[in-house]
Amino acid sequence: MPGTVPSGEKLHKVLARAGLGSRRAIEDWIRAGRVQVNGEPAEIGVRVSDQDVIHVDGRRVRWPRSIRGLRVLVYHKPAGEICTRDDPEGRPTVFDNLPKLRGQRWVAVGRLDVATSGLLLFCNDGELANRLMHPSAEVEREYAVRVRGAIGAETLARLQQGVELEDGIARFDSVTPAGGEGVNQWFHVVIKEGRKHEVRRLWASQGIEVSRLIRVRYGNVTLPRGLRAGRHRDLQQADVDALCQLVGFKSRQGPASRTESRRKSSRPPKTRKKTQGRRRKKVVGKR
């Protein structure tokens, strides 16, 4: 009815929050007829509540509030891996080494090109991933960059003042020298957006070649020193809360359970059966 206040939450946001994919990808699924609400094909903009039954590709989707918990993974991406789920050329992807999720999907927070290594975040909440990536959030990304040749103060000033690229003005928020030997010089640069190959293109605009690029920080999360390339680690709950607070995100999911956050190397609990057996022996001995 005209004038009625819409109730519920938009479908694509609910599915993104459930960790099924990004909001943009889910909108494409809706257009393709892959999503149903209460047995009917969904439409863009439709609102749903926890009373509605949602199916994607014929499978029922659990309402996000029933998800076990919000999880954020820290992954050390090695050079040579790509950031898509499937590759026609058969190259390794960053998703190959991630733990399996039941009824959910890992959503990558941004991307790194095939030649770039370092910190890559994943979460099981598409809405959180979207906020962390959105330019309006101005979340800092810090990179360690190795370049060839002597870099003058004027060049560093231009990179921070802003240079014209094919897709508009871009700049580093900070550029800090970090040592080096011979023709190889290291710098730490900070940028607040994630345009494609932006760090490399900024240096290239000054005729400077990047020979190595490593992301070392995303927002308030830094790449752990002990985390080897190709390995992942669950972010601790306090750090997850801080990351959410950074972008004003209030999760409707509870904290991840201890079972989900437990490392594979943790010792299995002792079985109750053996303990009961010991107690029985003691009782027999006393008799």
Protein backbone atom coordinates (compact mmCIF):
# COMPACT_ATOMS: atom_id res chain seq x y z
CA MET A 1 0.00 0.00 0.00
CA PRO A 2 1.19 3.55 -0.74
CA GLY A 3 2.75 5.17 2.27
CA THR A 4 3.49 1.86 4.01
CA VAL A 5 6.91 1.78 5.68
CA PRO A 6 8.97 -1.12 4.24
CA SER A 7 9.68 -3.87 6.77
CA GLY A 8 12.45 -6.40 6.88
CA GLU A 9 15.93 -6.25 5.38
CA LYS A 10 16.91 -6.27 1.73
CA LEU A 11 17.49 -9.77 0.44
CA HIS A 12 20.94 -9.18 -1.07
CA LYS A 13 22.17 -7.78 2.25
CA VAL A 14 20.87 -10.78 4.19
CA LEU A 15 22.60 -13.23 1.83
CA ALA A 16 25.81 -11.20 1.91
CA ARG A 17 25.73 -11.19 5.70
CA ALA A 18 25.29 -14.96 5.57
CA GLY A 19 28.64 -15.13 3.79
CA LEU A 20 27.33 -16.41 0.45
CA GLY A 21 29.04 -13.71 -1.59
CA SER A 22 29.32 -9.98 -2.20
CA ARG A 23 26.17 -7.89 -2.55
CA ARG A 24 26.93 -7.23 -6.22
CA ALA A 25 27.35 -10.95 -6.98
CA ILE A 26 24.12 -11.78 -5.17
CA GLU A 27 22.20 -9.17 -7.16
CA ASP A 28 23.43 -10.95 -10.31
CA TRP A 29 22.13 -14.25 -8.88
CA ILE A 30 18.72 -12.68 -8.27
CA ARG A 31 18.55 -11.39 -11.85
CA ALA A 32 19.50 -14.84 -13.11
CA GLY A 33 16.63 -16.45 -11.18
CA ARG A 34 18.87 -18.43 -8.85
CA VAL A 35 17.23 -17.08 -5.66
CA GLN A 36 13.73 -17.87 -4.39
CA VAL A 37 11.76 -16.46 -1.46
CA ASN A 38 8.87 -18.56 -0.16
CA GLY A 39 8.90 -20.61 -3.35
CA GLU A 40 8.75 -17.63 -5.73
CA PRO A 41 11.57 -16.10 -7.83
CA ALA A 42 13.09 -13.18 -5.93
CA GLU A 43 13.29 -9.64 -7.29
CA ILE A 44 15.89 -6.94 -6.80
CA GLY A 45 15.06 -4.83 -3.75
CA VAL A 46 12.71 -7.31 -2.09
CA ARG A 47 12.79 -7.25 1.71
CA VAL A 48 12.74 -10.36 3.88
CA SER A 49 12.53 -11.30 7.53
CA ASP A 50 13.47 -14.38 9.53
CA GLN A 51 9.96 -15.71 8.84
CA ASP A 52 10.70 -16.04 5.11
CA VAL A 53 12.15 -19.18 3.52
CA ILE A 54 15.06 -18.43 1.18
CA HIS A 55 16.60 -20.83 -1.35
CA VAL A 56 19.69 -20.31 -3.52
CA ASP A 57 20.16 -22.81 -6.36
CA GLY A 58 17.55 -25.03 -4.71
CA ARG A 59 19.27 -25.10 -1.32
CA ARG A 60 17.72 -23.52 1.74
CA VAL A 61 19.72 -20.70 3.31
CA ARG A 62 19.90 -20.50 7.08
CA TRP A 63 18.99 -17.09 8.45
CA PRO A 64 22.24 -15.31 9.43
CA ARG A 65 21.34 -15.18 13.12
CA SER A 66 21.67 -18.96 13.26
CA ILE A 67 25.22 -18.91 11.89
CA ARG A 68 27.73 -20.20 14.41
CA GLY A 69 29.75 -17.02 14.58
CA LEU A 70 31.53 -14.24 12.78
CA ARG A 71 34.99 -15.35 11.66
CA VAL A 72 37.83 -13.43 10.10
CA LEU A 73 40.84 -15.24 8.66
CA VAL A 74 44.31 -13.80 8.24
CA TYR A 75 45.95 -15.42 5.21
CA HIS A 76 49.54 -15.04 4.03
CA LYS A 77 49.20 -15.04 0.25
CA PRO A 78 52.28 -16.22 -1.63
CA ALA A 79 53.17 -14.80 -5.03
CA GLY A 80 51.75 -16.96 -7.82
CA GLU A 81 48.27 -17.48 -6.38
CA ILE A 82 45.25 -15.72 -7.87
CA CYS A 83 42.27 -14.30 -5.96
CA THR A 84 39.42 -15.98 -7.86
CA ARG A 85 37.67 -19.21 -6.89
CA ASP A 86 38.22 -20.94 -10.22
CA ASP A 87 40.80 -20.39 -12.92
CA PRO A 88 40.44 -21.72 -16.49
CA GLU A 89 44.23 -22.03 -16.67
CA GLY A 90 44.33 -24.22 -13.58
CA ARG A 91 46.51 -21.89 -11.53
CA PRO A 92 46.42 -22.17 -7.70
CA THR A 93 43.96 -19.83 -5.97
CA VAL A 94 43.91 -18.32 -2.50
CA PHE A 95 40.76 -20.34 -1.72
CA ASP A 96 42.55 -23.67 -2.13
CA ASN A 97 44.20 -23.44 1.30
CA LEU A 98 41.23 -22.14 3.31
CA PRO A 99 39.22 -24.27 5.76
CA LYS A 100 35.81 -25.47 4.63
CA LEU A 101 32.67 -23.73 5.83
CA ARG A 102 29.32 -25.45 6.26
CA GLY A 103 26.53 -23.57 4.53
CA GLN A 104 28.70 -20.50 3.99
CA ARG A 105 31.49 -19.17 1.77
CA TRP A 106 34.64 -17.25 2.52
CA VAL A 107 34.47 -13.70 1.16
CA ALA A 108 37.80 -12.05 0.31
CA VAL A 109 38.34 -8.53 1.59
CA GLY A 110 39.85 -7.01 -1.54
CA ARG A 111 42.35 -8.65 -3.85
CA LEU A 112 46.06 -8.89 -4.51
CA ASP A 113 47.45 -9.43 -8.00
CA VAL A 114 49.21 -12.67 -8.84
CA ALA A 115 52.70 -11.21 -8.32
CA THR A 116 51.89 -9.57 -4.96
CA SER A 117 52.20 -11.43 -1.66
CA GLY A 118 51.27 -10.71 1.94
CA LEU A 119 48.19 -10.10 4.05
CA LEU A 120 44.77 -11.05 2.72
CA LEU A 121 41.67 -11.05 4.94
CA PHE A 122 38.68 -13.36 4.56
CA CYS A 123 35.42 -13.35 6.51
CA ASN A 124 32.13 -15.25 6.51
CA ASP A 125 30.07 -12.04 6.41
CA GLY A 126 29.70 -10.33 3.04
CA GLU A 127 28.38 -7.11 4.59
CA LEU A 128 31.51 -6.71 6.72
CA ALA A 129 33.72 -7.43 3.70
CA ASN A 130 31.84 -4.81 1.67
CA ARG A 131 32.32 -2.15 4.35
CA LEU A 132 36.03 -2.88 4.72
CA MET A 133 36.53 -2.55 0.94
CA HIS A 134 34.32 0.48 0.30
CA PRO A 135 36.30 3.66 -0.55
CA SER A 136 34.14 5.75 1.79
CA ALA A 137 35.52 3.81 4.78
CA GLU A 138 39.07 4.96 3.94
CA VAL A 139 40.60 1.88 5.53
CA GLU A 140 44.39 2.04 5.37
CA ARG A 141 46.36 -0.53 3.37
CA GLU A 142 50.09 -0.64 4.02
CA TYR A 143 52.61 -2.20 1.63
CA ALA A 144 56.31 -2.93 1.71
CA VAL A 145 57.65 -2.02 -1.73
CA ARG A 146 61.04 -2.77 -3.28
CA VAL A 147 61.98 -0.54 -6.19
CA ARG A 148 65.05 -0.22 -8.38
CA GLY A 149 67.14 2.92 -8.58
CA ALA A 150 67.72 6.05 -6.54
CA ILE A 151 64.52 7.84 -5.51
CA GLY A 152 64.72 11.58 -4.98
CA ALA A 153 62.79 13.70 -2.47
CA GLU A 154 60.88 15.42 -5.28
CA THR A 155 59.57 12.09 -6.56
CA LEU A 156 58.38 11.08 -3.10
CA ALA A 157 56.66 14.45 -2.70
CA ARG A 158 54.80 14.05 -6.01
CA LEU A 159 53.61 10.58 -5.03
CA GLN A 160 52.08 12.01 -1.86
CA GLN A 161 50.65 15.13 -3.47
CA GLY A 162 48.86 13.14 -6.17
CA VAL A 163 49.45 12.14 -9.78
CA GLU A 164 47.04 11.65 -12.67
CA LEU A 165 46.36 8.00 -13.58
CA GLU A 166 44.04 6.55 -16.23
CA ASP A 167 41.19 6.36 -13.72
CA GLY A 168 41.77 9.65 -11.88
CA ILE A 169 44.04 11.24 -9.30
CA ALA A 170 45.83 8.86 -6.94
CA ARG A 171 48.36 9.33 -4.17
CA PHE A 172 50.06 7.71 -1.21
CA ASP A 173 49.04 8.95 2.22
CA SER A 174 52.58 8.28 3.41
CA VAL A 175 55.87 7.03 2.00
CA THR A 176 58.53 5.90 4.48
CA PRO A 177 62.06 4.78 3.49
CA ALA A 178 62.83 1.30 4.88
CA GLY A 179 66.44 0.67 3.83
CA GLY A 180 67.91 -1.39 1.02
CA GLU A 181 71.17 -2.39 -0.65
CA GLY A 182 72.66 -1.29 -3.93
CA VAL A 183 70.05 -0.37 -6.54
CA ASN A 184 67.26 -1.99 -4.52
CA GLN A 185 65.44 0.37 -2.15
CA TRP A 186 62.60 -0.51 0.23
CA PHE A 187 59.71 1.78 1.18
CA HIS A 188 56.55 1.40 3.23
CA VAL A 189 53.57 3.11 1.59
CA VAL A 190 50.04 3.64 2.89
CA ILE A 191 46.98 4.04 0.70
CA LYS A 192 43.26 4.28 1.55
CA GLU A 193 41.64 2.73 -1.49
CA GLY A 194 41.97 -0.45 -3.52
CA ARG A 195 42.00 0.41 -7.20
CA LYS A 196 43.49 -2.22 -9.51
CA HIS A 197 47.31 -2.27 -9.46
CA GLU A 198 47.22 1.20 -7.89
CA VAL A 199 50.49 0.91 -5.95
CA ARG A 200 52.41 -0.36 -8.97
CA ARG A 201 50.83 2.24 -11.27
CA LEU A 202 51.72 5.10 -8.94
CA TRP A 203 55.39 4.15 -8.97
CA ALA A 204 55.28 3.51 -12.73
CA SER A 205 53.95 7.05 -13.28
CA GLN A 206 57.36 8.26 -12.09
CA GLY A 207 59.24 5.82 -14.32
CA ILE A 208 60.04 3.53 -11.37
CA GLU A 209 59.76 -0.26 -11.54
CA VAL A 210 58.43 -2.23 -8.58
CA SER A 211 60.40 -5.46 -8.17
CA ARG A 212 58.56 -6.75 -5.09
CA LEU A 213 55.29 -5.85 -3.38
CA ILE A 214 54.03 -7.17 -0.04
CA ARG A 215 50.91 -6.09 1.82
CA VAL A 216 51.78 -5.93 5.52
CA ARG A 217 48.67 -4.30 7.04
CA TYR A 218 44.96 -3.85 6.37
CA GLY A 219 43.27 -1.44 8.78
CA ASN A 220 44.30 -2.49 12.28
CA VAL A 221 45.35 -6.02 11.24
CA THR A 222 49.03 -6.67 10.51
CA LEU A 223 50.62 -9.70 8.88
CA PRO A 224 51.90 -11.95 11.72
CA ARG A 225 55.64 -12.58 11.52
CA GLY A 226 55.32 -16.27 12.30
CA LEU A 227 52.65 -16.94 9.66
CA ARG A 228 54.27 -18.69 6.71
CA ALA A 229 53.19 -18.16 3.11
CA GLY A 230 50.15 -20.28 2.22
CA ARG A 231 49.01 -20.53 5.85
CA HIS A 232 46.04 -18.95 7.60
CA ARG A 233 45.04 -18.06 11.14
CA ASP A 234 41.76 -17.10 12.82
CA LEU A 235 41.74 -13.52 14.04
CA GLN A 236 41.22 -13.34 17.81
CA GLN A 237 37.79 -12.13 18.97
CA ALA A 238 39.14 -8.85 20.39
CA ASP A 239 40.77 -8.08 17.03
CA VAL A 240 37.57 -9.01 15.16
CA ASP A 241 35.63 -6.58 17.37
CA ALA A 242 38.19 -3.84 16.72
CA LEU A 243 38.01 -4.46 12.97
CA CYS A 244 34.20 -4.20 13.05
CA GLN A 245 34.40 -1.02 15.10
CA LEU A 246 36.79 0.48 12.54
CA VAL A 247 34.00 0.54 9.93
CA GLY A 248 31.03 0.93 12.28
CA PHE A 249 29.82 -2.61 11.74
CA LYS A 250 27.61 -4.27 14.34
CA SER A 251 27.50 -7.98 13.72
CA ARG A 252 24.24 -9.83 14.24
CA GLN A 253 26.25 -13.02 14.55
CA GLY A 254 27.63 -14.19 17.86
CA PRO A 255 31.34 -14.71 18.48
CA ALA A 256 32.92 -17.76 16.85
CA SER A 257 32.83 -20.88 18.97
CA ARG A 258 35.99 -22.26 20.52
CA THR A 259 35.78 -25.30 18.23
CA GLU A 260 35.85 -23.11 15.10
CA SER A 261 38.81 -21.05 16.32
CA ARG A 262 40.83 -23.99 17.66
CA ARG A 263 44.08 -24.73 15.83
CA LYS A 264 44.62 -28.11 14.19
CA SER A 265 47.70 -28.64 16.35
CA SER A 266 45.67 -28.52 19.62
CA ARG A 267 45.54 -31.75 21.57
CA PRO A 268 42.34 -33.80 21.42
CA PRO A 269 40.45 -34.01 24.74
CA LYS A 270 40.85 -37.17 26.78
CA THR A 271 38.03 -39.64 26.38
CA ARG A 272 35.68 -40.14 29.29
CA LYS A 273 35.71 -43.90 28.83
CA LYS A 274 39.33 -44.30 29.95
CA THR A 275 38.81 -42.17 33.05
CA GLN A 276 35.82 -44.24 34.11
CA GLY A 277 37.89 -47.37 33.64
CA ARG A 278 40.59 -46.11 36.04
CA ARG A 279 38.02 -45.28 38.69
CA ARG A 280 36.55 -48.76 38.51
CA LYS A 281 39.96 -50.34 39.06
CA LYS A 282 40.52 -48.27 42.22
CA VAL A 283 37.18 -49.29 43.65
CA VAL A 284 37.92 -52.99 43.02
CA GLY A 285 41.29 -52.64 44.72
CA LYS A 286 39.75 -51.23 47.89
CA ARG A 287 37.39 -54.16 48.17
